[in-house]
Amino acid sequence: MNGTEVTVTAADNGHRICLGRQGTVRVLLPGTPPAAVTLEGAALAEVSDHVFRGVSAGTAVLESAVPVCSPPAPSGGVRCLALAAWRVTVVVR
């Protein structure tokens, strides 16, 4: 799995993925701009916005928020600002 790139999206909320050391996780979430992604754990390192690399064996958690509603309504329409928590667990081997 070394050198592998995995892309996670809003549909991956709650999932657990496996990644080799030096593998890359790219987070593609909706929103303009997408909400920041926080990292918990030492198994991953952030290499740029929404891109993380496996650096040591262990577990890390990526967290963010995603819009609950579809894109904003046209000018003058009702707008929904609701967000849902998003979380993916990454196991680096």
N, C-alpha and C. Protein backbone atom coordinates (compact mmCIF):
# COMPACT_ATOMS: atom_id res chain seq x y z
N MET A 1 0.80 -1.20 0.00
CA MET A 1 0.00 0.00 0.00
C MET A 1 0.84 1.27 0.00
N ASN A 2 2.15 1.15 0.10
CA ASN A 2 2.99 2.35 0.09
C ASN A 2 2.80 3.12 -1.20
N GLY A 3 2.74 4.44 -1.09
CA GLY A 3 2.61 5.28 -2.26
C GLY A 3 1.18 5.37 -2.78
N THR A 4 0.25 4.71 -2.15
CA THR A 4 -1.15 4.72 -2.58
C THR A 4 -1.78 6.07 -2.29
N GLU A 5 -2.68 6.51 -3.17
CA GLU A 5 -3.47 7.71 -2.89
C GLU A 5 -4.93 7.30 -2.76
N VAL A 6 -5.54 7.72 -1.66
CA VAL A 6 -6.94 7.44 -1.39
C VAL A 6 -7.66 8.78 -1.31
N THR A 7 -8.82 8.86 -1.96
CA THR A 7 -9.65 10.07 -1.87
C THR A 7 -10.87 9.73 -1.04
N VAL A 8 -11.14 10.56 -0.03
CA VAL A 8 -12.34 10.38 0.79
C VAL A 8 -13.26 11.58 0.56
N THR A 9 -14.57 11.30 0.60
CA THR A 9 -15.58 12.32 0.33
C THR A 9 -16.60 12.33 1.47
N ALA A 10 -17.61 13.15 1.34
CA ALA A 10 -18.67 13.21 2.34
C ALA A 10 -19.32 11.84 2.53
N ALA A 11 -19.38 11.04 1.48
CA ALA A 11 -19.99 9.71 1.56
C ALA A 11 -19.20 8.75 2.45
N ASP A 12 -17.95 9.07 2.75
CA ASP A 12 -17.10 8.21 3.59
C ASP A 12 -17.25 8.51 5.08
N ASN A 13 -18.16 9.39 5.45
CA ASN A 13 -18.34 9.74 6.86
C ASN A 13 -18.53 8.48 7.70
N GLY A 14 -17.74 8.38 8.78
CA GLY A 14 -17.83 7.25 9.70
C GLY A 14 -17.03 6.04 9.28
N HIS A 15 -16.41 6.07 8.10
CA HIS A 15 -15.66 4.92 7.62
C HIS A 15 -14.26 4.85 8.22
N ARG A 16 -13.66 3.69 8.10
CA ARG A 16 -12.28 3.42 8.51
C ARG A 16 -11.54 2.98 7.25
N ILE A 17 -10.41 3.61 6.97
CA ILE A 17 -9.63 3.21 5.79
C ILE A 17 -8.23 2.82 6.23
N CYS A 18 -7.59 1.98 5.43
CA CYS A 18 -6.21 1.57 5.69
C CYS A 18 -5.31 2.23 4.65
N LEU A 19 -4.11 2.59 5.09
CA LEU A 19 -3.17 3.30 4.23
C LEU A 19 -1.77 2.85 4.59
N GLY A 20 -0.91 2.69 3.61
CA GLY A 20 0.49 2.38 3.87
C GLY A 20 1.27 3.64 4.20
N ARG A 21 2.40 3.46 4.87
CA ARG A 21 3.26 4.62 5.12
C ARG A 21 3.64 5.24 3.78
N GLN A 22 3.69 6.52 3.74
CA GLN A 22 3.93 7.33 2.54
C GLN A 22 2.73 7.38 1.62
N GLY A 23 1.63 6.70 1.96
CA GLY A 23 0.40 6.82 1.19
C GLY A 23 -0.23 8.18 1.46
N THR A 24 -1.11 8.60 0.58
CA THR A 24 -1.72 9.92 0.69
C THR A 24 -3.23 9.80 0.79
N VAL A 25 -3.81 10.62 1.67
CA VAL A 25 -5.26 10.74 1.78
C VAL A 25 -5.63 12.15 1.33
N ARG A 26 -6.49 12.23 0.33
CA ARG A 26 -6.99 13.51 -0.17
C ARG A 26 -8.45 13.62 0.25
N VAL A 27 -8.80 14.72 0.90
CA VAL A 27 -10.16 14.93 1.39
C VAL A 27 -10.89 15.89 0.46
N LEU A 28 -11.96 15.41 -0.17
CA LEU A 28 -12.76 16.23 -1.08
C LEU A 28 -14.16 16.36 -0.50
N LEU A 29 -14.42 17.48 0.14
CA LEU A 29 -15.71 17.72 0.77
C LEU A 29 -16.43 18.87 0.07
N PRO A 30 -17.77 18.86 0.09
CA PRO A 30 -18.52 19.95 -0.53
C PRO A 30 -18.41 21.23 0.28
N GLY A 31 -18.79 22.31 -0.33
CA GLY A 31 -18.74 23.61 0.33
C GLY A 31 -17.84 24.55 -0.44
N THR A 32 -18.14 25.84 -0.35
CA THR A 32 -17.35 26.84 -1.06
C THR A 32 -16.94 27.93 -0.09
N PRO A 33 -15.75 27.90 0.44
CA PRO A 33 -14.77 26.81 0.32
C PRO A 33 -15.13 25.68 1.27
N PRO A 34 -14.55 24.49 1.08
CA PRO A 34 -14.81 23.39 2.02
C PRO A 34 -14.29 23.77 3.41
N ALA A 35 -14.95 23.23 4.43
CA ALA A 35 -14.52 23.49 5.81
C ALA A 35 -13.13 22.90 6.04
N ALA A 36 -12.42 23.47 6.98
CA ALA A 36 -11.09 22.95 7.34
C ALA A 36 -11.21 21.53 7.85
N VAL A 37 -10.14 20.75 7.67
CA VAL A 37 -10.07 19.38 8.17
C VAL A 37 -9.08 19.37 9.32
N THR A 38 -9.50 18.83 10.46
CA THR A 38 -8.60 18.72 11.60
C THR A 38 -8.05 17.30 11.68
N LEU A 39 -6.85 17.18 12.20
CA LEU A 39 -6.15 15.91 12.31
C LEU A 39 -5.88 15.61 13.77
N GLU A 40 -6.21 14.39 14.17
CA GLU A 40 -5.92 13.93 15.53
C GLU A 40 -5.12 12.64 15.40
N GLY A 41 -3.95 12.59 16.02
CA GLY A 41 -3.10 11.41 15.96
C GLY A 41 -1.84 11.68 15.17
N ALA A 42 -0.81 10.86 15.41
CA ALA A 42 0.50 11.09 14.81
C ALA A 42 0.78 10.22 13.59
N ALA A 43 -0.17 9.39 13.17
CA ALA A 43 0.06 8.49 12.04
C ALA A 43 0.05 9.21 10.70
N LEU A 44 -0.59 10.38 10.65
CA LEU A 44 -0.65 11.18 9.42
C LEU A 44 0.00 12.54 9.66
N ALA A 45 0.46 13.14 8.58
CA ALA A 45 0.96 14.52 8.62
C ALA A 45 0.27 15.28 7.49
N GLU A 46 -0.12 16.52 7.75
CA GLU A 46 -0.74 17.35 6.71
C GLU A 46 0.35 17.88 5.78
N VAL A 47 0.17 17.64 4.47
CA VAL A 47 1.16 18.13 3.51
C VAL A 47 0.67 19.36 2.76
N SER A 48 -0.66 19.56 2.71
CA SER A 48 -1.27 20.78 2.17
C SER A 48 -2.73 20.74 2.59
N ASP A 49 -3.47 21.81 2.24
CA ASP A 49 -4.89 21.83 2.62
C ASP A 49 -5.59 20.58 2.11
N HIS A 50 -6.22 19.85 3.02
CA HIS A 50 -7.02 18.67 2.69
C HIS A 50 -6.21 17.51 2.12
N VAL A 51 -4.90 17.50 2.31
CA VAL A 51 -4.05 16.39 1.85
C VAL A 51 -3.14 15.96 3.00
N PHE A 52 -3.15 14.65 3.27
CA PHE A 52 -2.40 14.09 4.41
C PHE A 52 -1.59 12.89 3.94
N ARG A 53 -0.44 12.66 4.59
CA ARG A 53 0.44 11.55 4.23
C ARG A 53 0.68 10.66 5.43
N GLY A 54 0.68 9.35 5.20
CA GLY A 54 0.99 8.39 6.25
C GLY A 54 2.46 8.48 6.61
N VAL A 55 2.76 8.72 7.89
CA VAL A 55 4.15 8.90 8.31
C VAL A 55 4.62 7.86 9.32
N SER A 56 3.68 7.22 10.02
CA SER A 56 4.08 6.18 10.98
C SER A 56 2.89 5.26 11.23
N ALA A 57 3.20 4.04 11.64
CA ALA A 57 2.14 3.08 11.93
C ALA A 57 1.27 3.60 13.08
N GLY A 58 -0.02 3.42 12.96
CA GLY A 58 -0.93 3.86 14.00
C GLY A 58 -2.25 4.32 13.42
N THR A 59 -3.00 5.03 14.23
CA THR A 59 -4.34 5.48 13.83
C THR A 59 -4.43 7.00 13.93
N ALA A 60 -5.11 7.59 12.98
CA ALA A 60 -5.37 9.03 12.99
C ALA A 60 -6.83 9.25 12.63
N VAL A 61 -7.37 10.36 13.07
CA VAL A 61 -8.76 10.70 12.78
C VAL A 61 -8.79 12.06 12.07
N LEU A 62 -9.51 12.10 10.96
CA LEU A 62 -9.74 13.35 10.22
C LEU A 62 -11.17 13.78 10.50
N GLU A 63 -11.35 15.06 10.85
CA GLU A 63 -12.69 15.57 11.16
C GLU A 63 -12.93 16.90 10.45
N SER A 64 -14.19 17.11 10.08
CA SER A 64 -14.59 18.36 9.44
C SER A 64 -16.10 18.51 9.58
N ALA A 65 -16.67 19.39 8.78
CA ALA A 65 -18.11 19.57 8.72
C ALA A 65 -18.51 19.68 7.26
N VAL A 66 -19.68 19.14 6.94
CA VAL A 66 -20.17 19.20 5.56
C VAL A 66 -21.57 19.81 5.53
N PRO A 67 -21.90 20.53 4.46
CA PRO A 67 -23.24 21.11 4.35
C PRO A 67 -24.31 20.01 4.29
N VAL A 68 -25.40 20.22 4.98
CA VAL A 68 -26.51 19.26 4.97
C VAL A 68 -27.38 19.46 3.75
N CYS A 69 -27.51 20.69 3.31
CA CYS A 69 -28.41 21.03 2.20
C CYS A 69 -27.65 21.14 0.89
N SER A 70 -28.42 21.13 -0.20
CA SER A 70 -27.83 21.31 -1.52
C SER A 70 -27.31 22.74 -1.66
N PRO A 71 -26.63 23.03 -2.77
CA PRO A 71 -26.06 24.38 -2.95
C PRO A 71 -27.09 25.48 -2.72
N PRO A 72 -26.62 26.69 -2.44
CA PRO A 72 -27.51 27.81 -2.14
C PRO A 72 -28.55 28.05 -3.23
N ALA A 73 -29.70 28.52 -2.79
CA ALA A 73 -30.78 28.87 -3.72
C ALA A 73 -30.38 30.10 -4.52
N PRO A 74 -31.04 30.32 -5.67
CA PRO A 74 -30.76 31.53 -6.45
C PRO A 74 -31.01 32.78 -5.61
N SER A 75 -30.52 33.88 -6.07
CA SER A 75 -30.66 35.15 -5.37
C SER A 75 -32.10 35.36 -4.93
N GLY A 76 -32.26 35.69 -3.65
CA GLY A 76 -33.58 35.93 -3.11
C GLY A 76 -34.25 34.69 -2.55
N GLY A 77 -33.65 33.51 -2.77
CA GLY A 77 -34.22 32.26 -2.28
C GLY A 77 -33.80 31.98 -0.84
N VAL A 78 -34.40 30.97 -0.27
CA VAL A 78 -34.08 30.56 1.10
C VAL A 78 -32.74 29.83 1.09
N ARG A 79 -31.92 30.11 2.08
CA ARG A 79 -30.59 29.50 2.15
C ARG A 79 -30.47 28.67 3.42
N CYS A 80 -29.92 27.49 3.29
CA CYS A 80 -29.73 26.58 4.42
C CYS A 80 -28.26 26.62 4.84
N LEU A 81 -28.00 26.85 6.11
CA LEU A 81 -26.62 26.91 6.60
C LEU A 81 -26.28 25.74 7.52
N ALA A 82 -27.12 24.72 7.55
CA ALA A 82 -26.90 23.58 8.45
C ALA A 82 -25.66 22.78 8.04
N LEU A 83 -24.92 22.32 9.05
CA LEU A 83 -23.72 21.51 8.83
C LEU A 83 -23.84 20.21 9.62
N ALA A 84 -23.20 19.17 9.12
CA ALA A 84 -23.14 17.88 9.82
C ALA A 84 -21.68 17.54 10.08
N ALA A 85 -21.42 16.93 11.21
CA ALA A 85 -20.05 16.49 11.53
C ALA A 85 -19.63 15.40 10.56
N TRP A 86 -18.36 15.40 10.20
CA TRP A 86 -17.77 14.41 9.28
C TRP A 86 -16.52 13.87 9.93
N ARG A 87 -16.33 12.54 9.87
CA ARG A 87 -15.18 11.92 10.54
C ARG A 87 -14.77 10.65 9.80
N VAL A 88 -13.48 10.51 9.54
CA VAL A 88 -12.92 9.31 8.94
C VAL A 88 -11.71 8.89 9.77
N THR A 89 -11.64 7.60 10.08
CA THR A 89 -10.49 7.05 10.80
C THR A 89 -9.55 6.42 9.80
N VAL A 90 -8.25 6.73 9.92
CA VAL A 90 -7.24 6.22 9.01
C VAL A 90 -6.26 5.36 9.81
N VAL A 91 -6.11 4.11 9.38
CA VAL A 91 -5.15 3.20 9.99
C VAL A 91 -3.95 3.12 9.06
N VAL A 92 -2.79 3.53 9.56
CA VAL A 92 -1.56 3.50 8.75
C VAL A 92 -0.75 2.27 9.17
N ARG A 93 -0.38 1.46 8.19
CA ARG A 93 0.39 0.22 8.47
C ARG A 93 1.76 0.28 7.88
